[in-house]
Amino acid sequence: MGIASQDAIKQLSALVDEVDEPLKVTFKNIHMGYPSETLVRFLKAREWSIPKAHKMLVDCLNWRIQNHIDIILNKPIIPADLYRKIRDSQLVGMSGYTKDGHPVFAIGVGLSTYDKASVNYYVQSHIQINEYRDRVILPAASKKYGRHIGTCVKVLDMTGLKLSALNQLKLLTIISTVDDLNYPEKTETYYIVNAPYIFSACWKVVKPLLQERTRRKVQVLQGCGKDELLKIVDYASLPHFCKREGSGSSRHSTSRSDDCFSLDHPFHQQLYNYIKQQGQEYVALLKHGSFHVDVPEPDPEGIKIVKTIESELHKIGDRNGLNHSLSDLNIDGA
């Protein structure tokens, strides 16, 4: 790291030292013993502009306090049947680790339906997985490997991606805005697998809109990506949908405990049990209520990307004679 970068970290650190005590407390829950590395993430996200990185970090700290993010891991989604429905419709899980210790998160983009619970529950669950990753998984990986590991890799399965993805665009925008503004630079690489034509068409128009830093992180792999991914992970850490060419589905595998999206998978069992143990005193109070989180406004770049995807999906629909079924779908930027 160059002298200019080190100087920027020192300046931002000095500014953080001046924030109010509650913000300092929540900052500790973000950095987990690695404050300088955390400041670097915010500086990278704002192209090393100290004023912009400072504003982004303070906004993030205030968001955490206002939305009680520090205690979100004390708030189980109950009853368990509801949580199972969320897991079956918001396909995300952790399949293992790369050979150099980065957690591997799998996301079933194409087959996630987000139709079994309210938006609040899906946002709550997403943030809980983020916080569990940052406060439990990554510190454990850092300890095991004897060095700071602060990022993960994500494998995005596009199996089943259709024009109906327009229906989920608003929720996906909410989730990506939460990540962009409050969990910046947490993903080392995005691997896209099982990509159908509809993804390729959208990627072609979205790619030029992304910052170069983000573009470099995205790798579109052939088929299920198994051969390429085996260069960075052992077979046991491959997501289930990458283990067989032509397996045809994110959702189904030989057993639910092998399916990293399933509540029966060891990762989700550990996560859910952790949250239940952390929040036993809250269970009686929570009953069936979701945990509402205010979502910041997406930045103009994010809104432009969403509008571009929406426009491209409409064009594909028009070419395929599906414009009538899409005409009533209009996705706002938020």
C-alpha atoms as a PDB file:
ATOM      1  CA  MET A   1       0.000   0.000   0.000  1.00  0.00           C
ATOM      2  CA  GLY A   2       1.419   3.379  -1.037  1.00  0.00           C
ATOM      3  CA  ILE A   3       2.159   6.396   1.148  1.00  0.00           C
ATOM      4  CA  ALA A   4      -0.888   8.267  -0.208  1.00  0.00           C
ATOM      5  CA  SER A   5      -3.163   5.355   0.734  1.00  0.00           C
ATOM      6  CA  GLN A   6      -1.683   5.102   4.229  1.00  0.00           C
ATOM      7  CA  ASP A   7      -2.128   8.839   4.642  1.00  0.00           C
ATOM      8  CA  ALA A   8      -5.795   8.588   3.601  1.00  0.00           C
ATOM      9  CA  ILE A   9      -6.374   5.829   6.166  1.00  0.00           C
ATOM     10  CA  LYS A  10      -4.802   7.966   8.919  1.00  0.00           C
ATOM     11  CA  GLN A  11      -6.920  10.992   7.993  1.00  0.00           C
ATOM     12  CA  LEU A  12     -10.139   8.968   7.891  1.00  0.00           C
ATOM     13  CA  SER A  13      -9.218   7.279  11.178  1.00  0.00           C
ATOM     14  CA  ALA A  14      -8.736  10.689  12.804  1.00  0.00           C
ATOM     15  CA  LEU A  15     -12.206  11.746  11.613  1.00  0.00           C
ATOM     16  CA  VAL A  16     -13.764   8.544  12.967  1.00  0.00           C
ATOM     17  CA  ASP A  17     -12.117   9.213  16.344  1.00  0.00           C
ATOM     18  CA  GLU A  18     -14.228  12.387  16.564  1.00  0.00           C
ATOM     19  CA  VAL A  19     -17.646  10.714  16.191  1.00  0.00           C
ATOM     20  CA  ASP A  20     -20.034  10.318  19.127  1.00  0.00           C
ATOM     21  CA  GLU A  21     -19.640   7.338  21.450  1.00  0.00           C
ATOM     22  CA  PRO A  22     -22.658   5.330  20.119  1.00  0.00           C
ATOM     23  CA  LEU A  23     -21.153   5.506  16.624  1.00  0.00           C
ATOM     24  CA  LYS A  24     -17.798   4.314  17.966  1.00  0.00           C
ATOM     25  CA  VAL A  25     -19.529   1.318  19.569  1.00  0.00           C
ATOM     26  CA  THR A  26     -21.269   0.258  16.355  1.00  0.00           C
ATOM     27  CA  PHE A  27     -18.021   0.821  14.413  1.00  0.00           C
ATOM     28  CA  LYS A  28     -16.434  -1.882  16.598  1.00  0.00           C
ATOM     29  CA  ASN A  29     -19.152  -4.288  15.460  1.00  0.00           C
ATOM     30  CA  ILE A  30     -18.202  -3.496  11.870  1.00  0.00           C
ATOM     31  CA  HIS A  31     -14.436  -3.745  12.129  1.00  0.00           C
ATOM     32  CA  MET A  32     -14.240  -6.713  14.553  1.00  0.00           C
ATOM     33  CA  GLY A  33     -10.658  -5.828  15.497  1.00  0.00           C
ATOM     34  CA  TYR A  34      -9.551  -4.680  12.028  1.00  0.00           C
ATOM     35  CA  PRO A  35     -10.326  -0.920  11.893  1.00  0.00           C
ATOM     36  CA  SER A  36      -7.743   0.027   9.230  1.00  0.00           C
ATOM     37  CA  GLU A  37      -8.902  -2.715   6.841  1.00  0.00           C
ATOM     38  CA  THR A  38     -12.494  -1.543   7.344  1.00  0.00           C
ATOM     39  CA  LEU A  39     -11.575   2.065   6.548  1.00  0.00           C
ATOM     40  CA  VAL A  40      -9.895   0.834   3.349  1.00  0.00           C
ATOM     41  CA  ARG A  41     -13.199  -0.753   2.239  1.00  0.00           C
ATOM     42  CA  PHE A  42     -15.038   2.553   2.560  1.00  0.00           C
ATOM     43  CA  LEU A  43     -12.194   4.456   0.873  1.00  0.00           C
ATOM     44  CA  LYS A  44     -12.188   2.007  -2.060  1.00  0.00           C
ATOM     45  CA  ALA A  45     -15.969   2.347  -2.392  1.00  0.00           C
ATOM     46  CA  ARG A  46     -15.552   6.101  -2.768  1.00  0.00           C
ATOM     47  CA  GLU A  47     -12.474   6.044  -5.017  1.00  0.00           C
ATOM     48  CA  TRP A  48     -10.220   7.066  -2.097  1.00  0.00           C
ATOM     49  CA  SER A  49     -11.990  10.391  -1.554  1.00  0.00           C
ATOM     50  CA  ILE A  50     -11.633  11.036   2.199  1.00  0.00           C
ATOM     51  CA  PRO A  51     -14.678  13.370   2.534  1.00  0.00           C
ATOM     52  CA  LYS A  52     -16.921  10.955   0.570  1.00  0.00           C
ATOM     53  CA  ALA A  53     -15.661   7.897   2.463  1.00  0.00           C
ATOM     54  CA  HIS A  54     -16.179   9.731   5.765  1.00  0.00           C
ATOM     55  CA  LYS A  55     -19.755  10.638   4.844  1.00  0.00           C
ATOM     56  CA  MET A  56     -20.451   7.087   3.687  1.00  0.00           C
ATOM     57  CA  LEU A  57     -19.092   5.600   6.911  1.00  0.00           C
ATOM     58  CA  VAL A  58     -20.943   8.038   9.208  1.00  0.00           C
ATOM     59  CA  ASP A  59     -24.178   7.440   7.260  1.00  0.00           C
ATOM     60  CA  CYS A  60     -23.626   3.702   7.672  1.00  0.00           C
ATOM     61  CA  LEU A  61     -23.002   4.035  11.435  1.00  0.00           C
ATOM     62  CA  ASN A  62     -26.156   6.140  11.856  1.00  0.00           C
ATOM     63  CA  TRP A  63     -28.158   3.630   9.793  1.00  0.00           C
ATOM     64  CA  ARG A  64     -26.951   0.840  12.070  1.00  0.00           C
ATOM     65  CA  ILE A  65     -27.972   2.733  15.220  1.00  0.00           C
ATOM     66  CA  GLN A  66     -31.349   3.890  13.890  1.00  0.00           C
ATOM     67  CA  ASN A  67     -32.217   0.349  12.745  1.00  0.00           C
ATOM     68  CA  HIS A  68     -30.706  -1.541  15.720  1.00  0.00           C
ATOM     69  CA  ILE A  69     -28.457  -3.570  13.424  1.00  0.00           C
ATOM     70  CA  ASP A  70     -26.097  -4.407  16.306  1.00  0.00           C
ATOM     71  CA  ILE A  71     -28.835  -6.585  17.832  1.00  0.00           C
ATOM     72  CA  ILE A  72     -30.361  -7.993  14.627  1.00  0.00           C
ATOM     73  CA  LEU A  73     -28.679 -11.334  15.371  1.00  0.00           C
ATOM     74  CA  ASN A  74     -30.812 -11.464  18.537  1.00  0.00           C
ATOM     75  CA  LYS A  75     -34.014 -11.411  16.481  1.00  0.00           C
ATOM     76  CA  PRO A  76     -34.928 -14.865  15.149  1.00  0.00           C
ATOM     77  CA  ILE A  77     -37.531 -15.099  12.410  1.00  0.00           C
ATOM     78  CA  ILE A  78     -40.206 -17.254  14.001  1.00  0.00           C
ATOM     79  CA  PRO A  79     -41.953 -19.622  13.816  1.00  0.00           C
ATOM     80  CA  ALA A  80     -39.447 -21.981  12.175  1.00  0.00           C
ATOM     81  CA  ASP A  81     -41.999 -22.830   9.458  1.00  0.00           C
ATOM     82  CA  LEU A  82     -41.948 -19.209   8.311  1.00  0.00           C
ATOM     83  CA  TYR A  83     -38.152 -19.201   8.271  1.00  0.00           C
ATOM     84  CA  ARG A  84     -38.168 -22.396   6.192  1.00  0.00           C
ATOM     85  CA  LYS A  85     -40.477 -20.708   3.665  1.00  0.00           C
ATOM     86  CA  ILE A  86     -38.051 -17.780   3.463  1.00  0.00           C
ATOM     87  CA  ARG A  87     -35.122 -20.137   2.901  1.00  0.00           C
ATOM     88  CA  ASP A  88     -37.086 -21.936   0.162  1.00  0.00           C
ATOM     89  CA  SER A  89     -37.863 -18.684  -1.665  1.00  0.00           C
ATOM     90  CA  GLN A  90     -34.725 -16.565  -0.974  1.00  0.00           C
ATOM     91  CA  LEU A  91     -32.085 -18.971  -2.220  1.00  0.00           C
ATOM     92  CA  VAL A  92     -28.806 -18.147  -0.523  1.00  0.00           C
ATOM     93  CA  GLY A  93     -26.338 -20.183   1.480  1.00  0.00           C
ATOM     94  CA  MET A  94     -22.701 -20.894   2.224  1.00  0.00           C
ATOM     95  CA  SER A  95     -21.168 -23.976   0.631  1.00  0.00           C
ATOM     96  CA  GLY A  96     -17.670 -23.840   2.135  1.00  0.00           C
ATOM     97  CA  TYR A  97     -14.386 -21.979   1.705  1.00  0.00           C
ATOM     98  CA  THR A  98     -11.905 -21.249  -1.067  1.00  0.00           C
ATOM     99  CA  LYS A  99      -8.477 -22.844  -0.827  1.00  0.00           C
ATOM    100  CA  ASP A 100      -7.142 -19.593   0.669  1.00  0.00           C
ATOM    101  CA  GLY A 101      -9.891 -19.279   3.288  1.00  0.00           C
ATOM    102  CA  HIS A 102     -12.561 -17.021   1.791  1.00  0.00           C
ATOM    103  CA  PRO A 103     -16.169 -18.097   2.505  1.00  0.00           C
ATOM    104  CA  VAL A 104     -18.096 -19.208  -0.596  1.00  0.00           C
ATOM    105  CA  PHE A 105     -21.668 -17.893  -0.714  1.00  0.00           C
ATOM    106  CA  ALA A 106     -24.112 -19.286  -3.261  1.00  0.00           C
ATOM    107  CA  ILE A 107     -27.136 -17.369  -4.541  1.00  0.00           C
ATOM    108  CA  GLY A 108     -29.940 -18.864  -6.630  1.00  0.00           C
ATOM    109  CA  VAL A 109     -30.807 -15.726  -8.566  1.00  0.00           C
ATOM    110  CA  GLY A 110     -33.006 -17.367 -11.192  1.00  0.00           C
ATOM    111  CA  LEU A 111     -35.150 -19.549  -8.932  1.00  0.00           C
ATOM    112  CA  SER A 112     -35.630 -17.218  -5.953  1.00  0.00           C
ATOM    113  CA  THR A 113     -39.295 -16.220  -5.868  1.00  0.00           C
ATOM    114  CA  TYR A 114     -39.477 -13.959  -2.778  1.00  0.00           C
ATOM    115  CA  ASP A 115     -43.192 -14.723  -2.560  1.00  0.00           C
ATOM    116  CA  LYS A 116     -43.619 -16.497   0.786  1.00  0.00           C
ATOM    117  CA  ALA A 117     -43.208 -13.559   3.202  1.00  0.00           C
ATOM    118  CA  SER A 118     -43.222  -9.767   3.372  1.00  0.00           C
ATOM    119  CA  VAL A 119     -40.349  -7.654   2.027  1.00  0.00           C
ATOM    120  CA  ASN A 120     -39.328  -6.831   5.632  1.00  0.00           C
ATOM    121  CA  TYR A 121     -38.648 -10.490   6.406  1.00  0.00           C
ATOM    122  CA  TYR A 122     -36.478 -10.960   3.310  1.00  0.00           C
ATOM    123  CA  VAL A 123     -34.482  -7.802   4.100  1.00  0.00           C
ATOM    124  CA  GLN A 124     -34.115  -8.890   7.747  1.00  0.00           C
ATOM    125  CA  SER A 125     -32.876 -12.328   6.699  1.00  0.00           C
ATOM    126  CA  HIS A 126     -30.408 -10.847   4.204  1.00  0.00           C
ATOM    127  CA  ILE A 127     -28.921  -8.494   6.803  1.00  0.00           C
ATOM    128  CA  GLN A 128     -28.712 -11.308   9.367  1.00  0.00           C
ATOM    129  CA  ILE A 129     -26.661 -13.390   6.931  1.00  0.00           C
ATOM    130  CA  ASN A 130     -24.406 -10.355   6.286  1.00  0.00           C
ATOM    131  CA  GLU A 131     -23.907  -9.780  10.008  1.00  0.00           C
ATOM    132  CA  TYR A 132     -23.300 -13.478  10.746  1.00  0.00           C
ATOM    133  CA  ARG A 133     -20.747 -13.537   7.923  1.00  0.00           C
ATOM    134  CA  ASP A 134     -18.963 -10.431   9.252  1.00  0.00           C
ATOM    135  CA  ARG A 135     -19.162 -11.114  12.993  1.00  0.00           C
ATOM    136  CA  VAL A 136     -18.840 -14.924  13.125  1.00  0.00           C
ATOM    137  CA  ILE A 137     -17.704 -16.526   9.831  1.00  0.00           C
ATOM    138  CA  LEU A 138     -14.967 -14.077   8.756  1.00  0.00           C
ATOM    139  CA  PRO A 139     -13.386 -13.647  12.236  1.00  0.00           C
ATOM    140  CA  ALA A 140     -13.263 -17.460  12.577  1.00  0.00           C
ATOM    141  CA  ALA A 141     -11.628 -17.750   9.133  1.00  0.00           C
ATOM    142  CA  SER A 142      -9.100 -15.035  10.052  1.00  0.00           C
ATOM    143  CA  LYS A 143      -8.228 -16.891  13.247  1.00  0.00           C
ATOM    144  CA  LYS A 144      -7.875 -20.224  11.434  1.00  0.00           C
ATOM    145  CA  TYR A 145      -5.619 -18.856   8.691  1.00  0.00           C
ATOM    146  CA  GLY A 146      -3.651 -16.473  10.918  1.00  0.00           C
ATOM    147  CA  ARG A 147      -4.337 -13.422   8.738  1.00  0.00           C
ATOM    148  CA  HIS A 148      -7.170 -10.997   8.129  1.00  0.00           C
ATOM    149  CA  ILE A 149      -9.890 -12.410   5.860  1.00  0.00           C
ATOM    150  CA  GLY A 150     -12.541  -9.776   5.332  1.00  0.00           C
ATOM    151  CA  THR A 151     -14.199 -10.750   2.050  1.00  0.00           C
ATOM    152  CA  CYS A 152     -16.092 -13.649   0.492  1.00  0.00           C
ATOM    153  CA  VAL A 153     -16.691 -14.964  -3.002  1.00  0.00           C
ATOM    154  CA  LYS A 154     -20.188 -15.337  -4.416  1.00  0.00           C
ATOM    155  CA  VAL A 155     -21.414 -17.871  -6.950  1.00  0.00           C
ATOM    156  CA  LEU A 156     -24.614 -16.679  -8.642  1.00  0.00           C
ATOM    157  CA  ASP A 157     -26.726 -19.387 -10.270  1.00  0.00           C
ATOM    158  CA  MET A 158     -28.853 -17.979 -13.086  1.00  0.00           C
ATOM    159  CA  THR A 159     -30.752 -21.250 -13.679  1.00  0.00           C
ATOM    160  CA  GLY A 160     -34.427 -20.461 -14.318  1.00  0.00           C
ATOM    161  CA  LEU A 161     -33.938 -16.713 -14.883  1.00  0.00           C
ATOM    162  CA  LYS A 162     -37.008 -15.425 -16.759  1.00  0.00           C
ATOM    163  CA  LEU A 163     -38.740 -12.182 -17.657  1.00  0.00           C
ATOM    164  CA  SER A 164     -40.693 -12.565 -14.415  1.00  0.00           C
ATOM    165  CA  ALA A 165     -37.465 -11.410 -12.719  1.00  0.00           C
ATOM    166  CA  LEU A 166     -38.989  -7.948 -13.218  1.00  0.00           C
ATOM    167  CA  ASN A 167     -41.314  -8.779 -10.332  1.00  0.00           C
ATOM    168  CA  GLN A 168     -38.363  -9.162  -7.988  1.00  0.00           C
ATOM    169  CA  LEU A 169     -36.348  -6.201  -9.250  1.00  0.00           C
ATOM    170  CA  LYS A 170     -37.642  -3.811  -6.605  1.00  0.00           C
ATOM    171  CA  LEU A 171     -36.742  -6.121  -3.700  1.00  0.00           C
ATOM    172  CA  LEU A 172     -33.363  -6.945  -5.243  1.00  0.00           C
ATOM    173  CA  THR A 173     -32.703  -3.205  -5.559  1.00  0.00           C
ATOM    174  CA  ILE A 174     -33.469  -2.742  -1.850  1.00  0.00           C
ATOM    175  CA  ILE A 175     -31.066  -5.541  -0.911  1.00  0.00           C
ATOM    176  CA  SER A 176     -28.288  -4.345  -3.227  1.00  0.00           C
ATOM    177  CA  THR A 177     -28.667  -0.773  -1.900  1.00  0.00           C
ATOM    178  CA  VAL A 178     -28.292  -2.025   1.682  1.00  0.00           C
ATOM    179  CA  ASP A 179     -25.116  -3.862   0.616  1.00  0.00           C
ATOM    180  CA  ASP A 180     -23.640  -1.057  -1.481  1.00  0.00           C
ATOM    181  CA  LEU A 181     -24.025   1.603   1.216  1.00  0.00           C
ATOM    182  CA  ASN A 182     -23.450  -0.409   4.393  1.00  0.00           C
ATOM    183  CA  TYR A 183     -21.366  -3.466   3.452  1.00  0.00           C
ATOM    184  CA  PRO A 184     -19.043  -2.115   0.748  1.00  0.00           C
ATOM    185  CA  GLU A 185     -16.240  -4.172  -0.772  1.00  0.00           C
ATOM    186  CA  LYS A 186     -17.166  -7.399   1.023  1.00  0.00           C
ATOM    187  CA  THR A 187     -17.112  -9.545  -2.131  1.00  0.00           C
ATOM    188  CA  GLU A 188     -13.822 -10.538  -3.750  1.00  0.00           C
ATOM    189  CA  THR A 189     -15.319 -12.051  -6.929  1.00  0.00           C
ATOM    190  CA  TYR A 190     -18.784 -12.736  -8.363  1.00  0.00           C
ATOM    191  CA  TYR A 191     -18.905 -15.957 -10.409  1.00  0.00           C
ATOM    192  CA  ILE A 192     -21.928 -16.207 -12.731  1.00  0.00           C
ATOM    193  CA  VAL A 193     -22.946 -19.758 -13.682  1.00  0.00           C
ATOM    194  CA  ASN A 194     -25.741 -21.385 -15.723  1.00  0.00           C
ATOM    195  CA  ALA A 195     -26.386 -18.074 -17.495  1.00  0.00           C
ATOM    196  CA  PRO A 196     -29.276 -18.135 -20.026  1.00  0.00           C
ATOM    197  CA  TYR A 197     -29.721 -15.702 -22.899  1.00  0.00           C
ATOM    198  CA  ILE A 198     -31.757 -13.282 -20.801  1.00  0.00           C
ATOM    199  CA  PHE A 199     -28.792 -12.759 -18.460  1.00  0.00           C
ATOM    200  CA  SER A 200     -26.361 -12.296 -21.347  1.00  0.00           C
ATOM    201  CA  ALA A 201     -28.619  -9.634 -22.876  1.00  0.00           C
ATOM    202  CA  CYS A 202     -28.905  -7.712 -19.603  1.00  0.00           C
ATOM    203  CA  TRP A 203     -25.204  -8.065 -18.777  1.00  0.00           C
ATOM    204  CA  LYS A 204     -24.231  -6.596 -22.152  1.00  0.00           C
ATOM    205  CA  VAL A 205     -26.064  -3.332 -21.413  1.00  0.00           C
ATOM    206  CA  VAL A 206     -25.296  -3.169 -17.671  1.00  0.00           C
ATOM    207  CA  LYS A 207     -21.568  -3.905 -17.883  1.00  0.00           C
ATOM    208  CA  PRO A 208     -20.620  -0.500 -19.358  1.00  0.00           C
ATOM    209  CA  LEU A 209     -22.501   1.268 -16.531  1.00  0.00           C
ATOM    210  CA  LEU A 210     -20.472  -0.393 -13.775  1.00  0.00           C
ATOM    211  CA  GLN A 211     -17.334   1.074 -12.302  1.00  0.00           C
ATOM    212  CA  GLU A 212     -14.174  -0.623 -13.537  1.00  0.00           C
ATOM    213  CA  ARG A 213     -13.495  -1.865 -10.008  1.00  0.00           C
ATOM    214  CA  THR A 214     -16.851  -3.700  -9.985  1.00  0.00           C
ATOM    215  CA  ARG A 215     -16.556  -4.975 -13.570  1.00  0.00           C
ATOM    216  CA  ARG A 216     -13.255  -6.664 -12.752  1.00  0.00           C
ATOM    217  CA  LYS A 217     -14.943  -8.638  -9.971  1.00  0.00           C
ATOM    218  CA  VAL A 218     -17.521 -10.303 -12.255  1.00  0.00           C
ATOM    219  CA  GLN A 219     -16.603 -13.523 -14.070  1.00  0.00           C
ATOM    220  CA  VAL A 220     -19.167 -15.254 -16.288  1.00  0.00           C
ATOM    221  CA  LEU A 221     -18.269 -18.964 -16.401  1.00  0.00           C
ATOM    222  CA  GLN A 222     -19.175 -21.660 -18.913  1.00  0.00           C
ATOM    223  CA  GLY A 223     -22.081 -23.901 -17.918  1.00  0.00           C
ATOM    224  CA  CYS A 224     -22.200 -24.738 -14.222  1.00  0.00           C
ATOM    225  CA  GLY A 225     -18.653 -23.413 -13.763  1.00  0.00           C
ATOM    226  CA  LYS A 226     -17.340 -26.554 -12.074  1.00  0.00           C
ATOM    227  CA  ASP A 227     -13.971 -26.755 -13.857  1.00  0.00           C
ATOM    228  CA  GLU A 228     -13.116 -23.089 -13.281  1.00  0.00           C
ATOM    229  CA  LEU A 229     -14.317 -23.079  -9.678  1.00  0.00           C
ATOM    230  CA  LEU A 230     -12.268 -26.183  -8.823  1.00  0.00           C
ATOM    231  CA  LYS A 231      -9.178 -24.024  -9.371  1.00  0.00           C
ATOM    232  CA  ILE A 232     -10.109 -22.013  -6.270  1.00  0.00           C
ATOM    233  CA  VAL A 233     -12.210 -24.428  -4.152  1.00  0.00           C
ATOM    234  CA  ASP A 234     -12.123 -28.104  -3.260  1.00  0.00           C
ATOM    235  CA  TYR A 235     -14.970 -30.268  -4.571  1.00  0.00           C
ATOM    236  CA  ALA A 236     -16.627 -30.386  -1.137  1.00  0.00           C
ATOM    237  CA  SER A 237     -16.946 -26.572  -1.114  1.00  0.00           C
ATOM    238  CA  LEU A 238     -18.597 -26.342  -4.542  1.00  0.00           C
ATOM    239  CA  PRO A 239     -22.221 -25.164  -4.360  1.00  0.00           C
ATOM    240  CA  HIS A 240     -24.555 -28.092  -5.056  1.00  0.00           C
ATOM    241  CA  PHE A 241     -25.655 -26.643  -8.419  1.00  0.00           C
ATOM    242  CA  CYS A 242     -22.037 -26.666  -9.664  1.00  0.00           C
ATOM    243  CA  LYS A 243     -21.328 -30.305  -8.904  1.00  0.00           C
ATOM    244  CA  ARG A 244     -23.032 -31.738 -11.993  1.00  0.00           C
ATOM    245  CA  GLU A 245     -23.197 -30.372 -15.504  1.00  0.00           C
ATOM    246  CA  GLY A 246     -26.823 -30.050 -16.554  1.00  0.00           C
ATOM    247  CA  SER A 247     -28.192 -30.675 -13.070  1.00  0.00           C
ATOM    248  CA  GLY A 248     -30.855 -28.210 -14.157  1.00  0.00           C
ATOM    249  CA  SER A 249     -31.824 -26.598 -10.898  1.00  0.00           C
ATOM    250  CA  SER A 250     -30.579 -24.472  -8.050  1.00  0.00           C
ATOM    251  CA  ARG A 251     -33.185 -25.907  -5.785  1.00  0.00           C
ATOM    252  CA  HIS A 252     -32.885 -29.669  -5.950  1.00  0.00           C
ATOM    253  CA  SER A 253     -29.987 -31.968  -5.132  1.00  0.00           C
ATOM    254  CA  THR A 254     -29.521 -35.478  -3.775  1.00  0.00           C
ATOM    255  CA  SER A 255     -30.481 -34.440  -0.240  1.00  0.00           C
ATOM    256  CA  ARG A 256     -31.608 -31.263   1.457  1.00  0.00           C
ATOM    257  CA  SER A 257     -28.588 -31.292   3.755  1.00  0.00           C
ATOM    258  CA  ASP A 258     -26.338 -31.082   0.636  1.00  0.00           C
ATOM    259  CA  ASP A 259     -28.428 -28.215  -0.781  1.00  0.00           C
ATOM    260  CA  CYS A 260     -26.760 -25.094   0.639  1.00  0.00           C
ATOM    261  CA  PHE A 261     -29.995 -23.106   0.194  1.00  0.00           C
ATOM    262  CA  SER A 262     -31.961 -25.442   2.462  1.00  0.00           C
ATOM    263  CA  LEU A 263     -32.655 -24.791   6.135  1.00  0.00           C
ATOM    264  CA  ASP A 264     -31.413 -28.367   6.679  1.00  0.00           C
ATOM    265  CA  HIS A 265     -27.919 -27.496   5.407  1.00  0.00           C
ATOM    266  CA  PRO A 266     -25.313 -27.237   8.219  1.00  0.00           C
ATOM    267  CA  PHE A 267     -24.663 -23.525   7.529  1.00  0.00           C
ATOM    268  CA  HIS A 268     -28.324 -22.560   7.939  1.00  0.00           C
ATOM    269  CA  GLN A 269     -28.727 -24.827  10.963  1.00  0.00           C
ATOM    270  CA  GLN A 270     -25.740 -23.132  12.621  1.00  0.00           C
ATOM    271  CA  LEU A 271     -26.972 -19.653  11.669  1.00  0.00           C
ATOM    272  CA  TYR A 272     -30.537 -20.209  12.868  1.00  0.00           C
ATOM    273  CA  ASN A 273     -29.429 -21.857  16.121  1.00  0.00           C
ATOM    274  CA  TYR A 274     -26.966 -19.025  16.737  1.00  0.00           C
ATOM    275  CA  ILE A 275     -29.709 -16.394  16.328  1.00  0.00           C
ATOM    276  CA  LYS A 276     -32.122 -18.356  18.532  1.00  0.00           C
ATOM    277  CA  GLN A 277     -29.478 -18.704  21.273  1.00  0.00           C
ATOM    278  CA  GLN A 278     -28.548 -15.011  21.050  1.00  0.00           C
ATOM    279  CA  GLY A 279     -32.143 -13.901  21.267  1.00  0.00           C
ATOM    280  CA  GLN A 280     -33.906 -16.269  23.644  1.00  0.00           C
ATOM    281  CA  GLU A 281     -35.119 -13.394  25.778  1.00  0.00           C
ATOM    282  CA  TYR A 282     -36.653 -11.740  22.683  1.00  0.00           C
ATOM    283  CA  VAL A 283     -38.667 -14.712  21.442  1.00  0.00           C
ATOM    284  CA  ALA A 284     -41.644 -14.168  23.724  1.00  0.00           C
ATOM    285  CA  LEU A 285     -41.819 -10.499  22.731  1.00  0.00           C
ATOM    286  CA  LEU A 286     -41.349 -10.923  18.996  1.00  0.00           C
ATOM    287  CA  LYS A 287     -44.147 -13.367  18.246  1.00  0.00           C
ATOM    288  CA  HIS A 288     -44.615 -13.158  14.484  1.00  0.00           C
ATOM    289  CA  GLY A 289     -43.448  -9.598  13.845  1.00  0.00           C
ATOM    290  CA  SER A 290     -40.761  -8.817  11.303  1.00  0.00           C
ATOM    291  CA  PHE A 291     -37.856  -6.508  12.028  1.00  0.00           C
ATOM    292  CA  HIS A 292     -38.331  -3.352   9.961  1.00  0.00           C
ATOM    293  CA  VAL A 293     -35.203  -1.784   8.479  1.00  0.00           C
ATOM    294  CA  ASP A 294     -35.169   1.592   6.761  1.00  0.00           C
ATOM    295  CA  VAL A 295     -33.480   1.324   3.385  1.00  0.00           C
ATOM    296  CA  PRO A 296     -31.366   4.251   2.194  1.00  0.00           C
ATOM    297  CA  GLU A 297     -32.034   5.763  -1.199  1.00  0.00           C
ATOM    298  CA  PRO A 298     -29.943   4.111  -3.919  1.00  0.00           C
ATOM    299  CA  ASP A 299     -27.346   6.332  -5.545  1.00  0.00           C
ATOM    300  CA  PRO A 300     -28.026   7.651  -9.079  1.00  0.00           C
ATOM    301  CA  GLU A 301     -25.736   5.007 -10.597  1.00  0.00           C
ATOM    302  CA  GLY A 302     -27.789   2.235  -8.959  1.00  0.00           C
ATOM    303  CA  ILE A 303     -31.071   3.711 -10.203  1.00  0.00           C
ATOM    304  CA  LYS A 304     -29.664   3.945 -13.745  1.00  0.00           C
ATOM    305  CA  ILE A 305     -28.610   0.283 -13.668  1.00  0.00           C
ATOM    306  CA  VAL A 306     -32.066  -0.839 -12.485  1.00  0.00           C
ATOM    307  CA  LYS A 307     -33.797   1.220 -15.177  1.00  0.00           C
ATOM    308  CA  THR A 308     -31.454  -0.242 -17.807  1.00  0.00           C
ATOM    309  CA  ILE A 309     -32.235  -3.817 -16.711  1.00  0.00           C
ATOM    310  CA  GLU A 310     -35.952  -3.014 -16.695  1.00  0.00           C
ATOM    311  CA  SER A 311     -35.732  -1.545 -20.202  1.00  0.00           C
ATOM    312  CA  GLU A 312     -33.778  -4.536 -21.546  1.00  0.00           C
ATOM    313  CA  LEU A 313     -36.254  -7.028 -20.090  1.00  0.00           C
ATOM    314  CA  HIS A 314     -39.119  -5.105 -21.711  1.00  0.00           C
ATOM    315  CA  LYS A 315     -37.287  -5.204 -25.069  1.00  0.00           C
ATOM    316  CA  ILE A 316     -36.833  -8.965 -24.786  1.00  0.00           C
ATOM    317  CA  GLY A 317     -40.515  -9.271 -23.915  1.00  0.00           C
ATOM    318  CA  ASP A 318     -41.482  -7.209 -26.946  1.00  0.00           C
ATOM    319  CA  ARG A 319     -39.333  -9.345 -29.254  1.00  0.00           C
ATOM    320  CA  ASN A 320     -40.956 -12.485 -27.877  1.00  0.00           C
ATOM    321  CA  GLY A 321     -44.483 -11.139 -28.024  1.00  0.00           C
ATOM    322  CA  LEU A 322     -44.765 -10.885 -24.253  1.00  0.00           C
ATOM    323  CA  ASN A 323     -45.184  -7.132 -24.003  1.00  0.00           C
ATOM    324  CA  HIS A 324     -48.793  -7.461 -22.854  1.00  0.00           C
ATOM    325  CA  SER A 325     -47.739  -9.419 -19.747  1.00  0.00           C
ATOM    326  CA  LEU A 326     -45.052  -6.881 -18.901  1.00  0.00           C
ATOM    327  CA  SER A 327     -46.986  -3.690 -19.501  1.00  0.00           C
ATOM    328  CA  ASP A 328     -48.169  -3.339 -15.932  1.00  0.00           C
ATOM    329  CA  LEU A 329     -44.755  -3.981 -14.401  1.00  0.00           C
ATOM    330  CA  ASN A 330     -42.979  -0.760 -13.518  1.00  0.00           C
ATOM    331  CA  ILE A 331     -40.089  -0.877 -11.109  1.00  0.00           C
ATOM    332  CA  ASP A 332     -39.216   2.166  -9.024  1.00  0.00           C
ATOM    333  CA  GLY A 333     -35.586   2.917  -8.195  1.00  0.00           C
ATOM    334  CA  ALA A 334     -36.033   2.219  -4.474  1.00  0.00           C
END
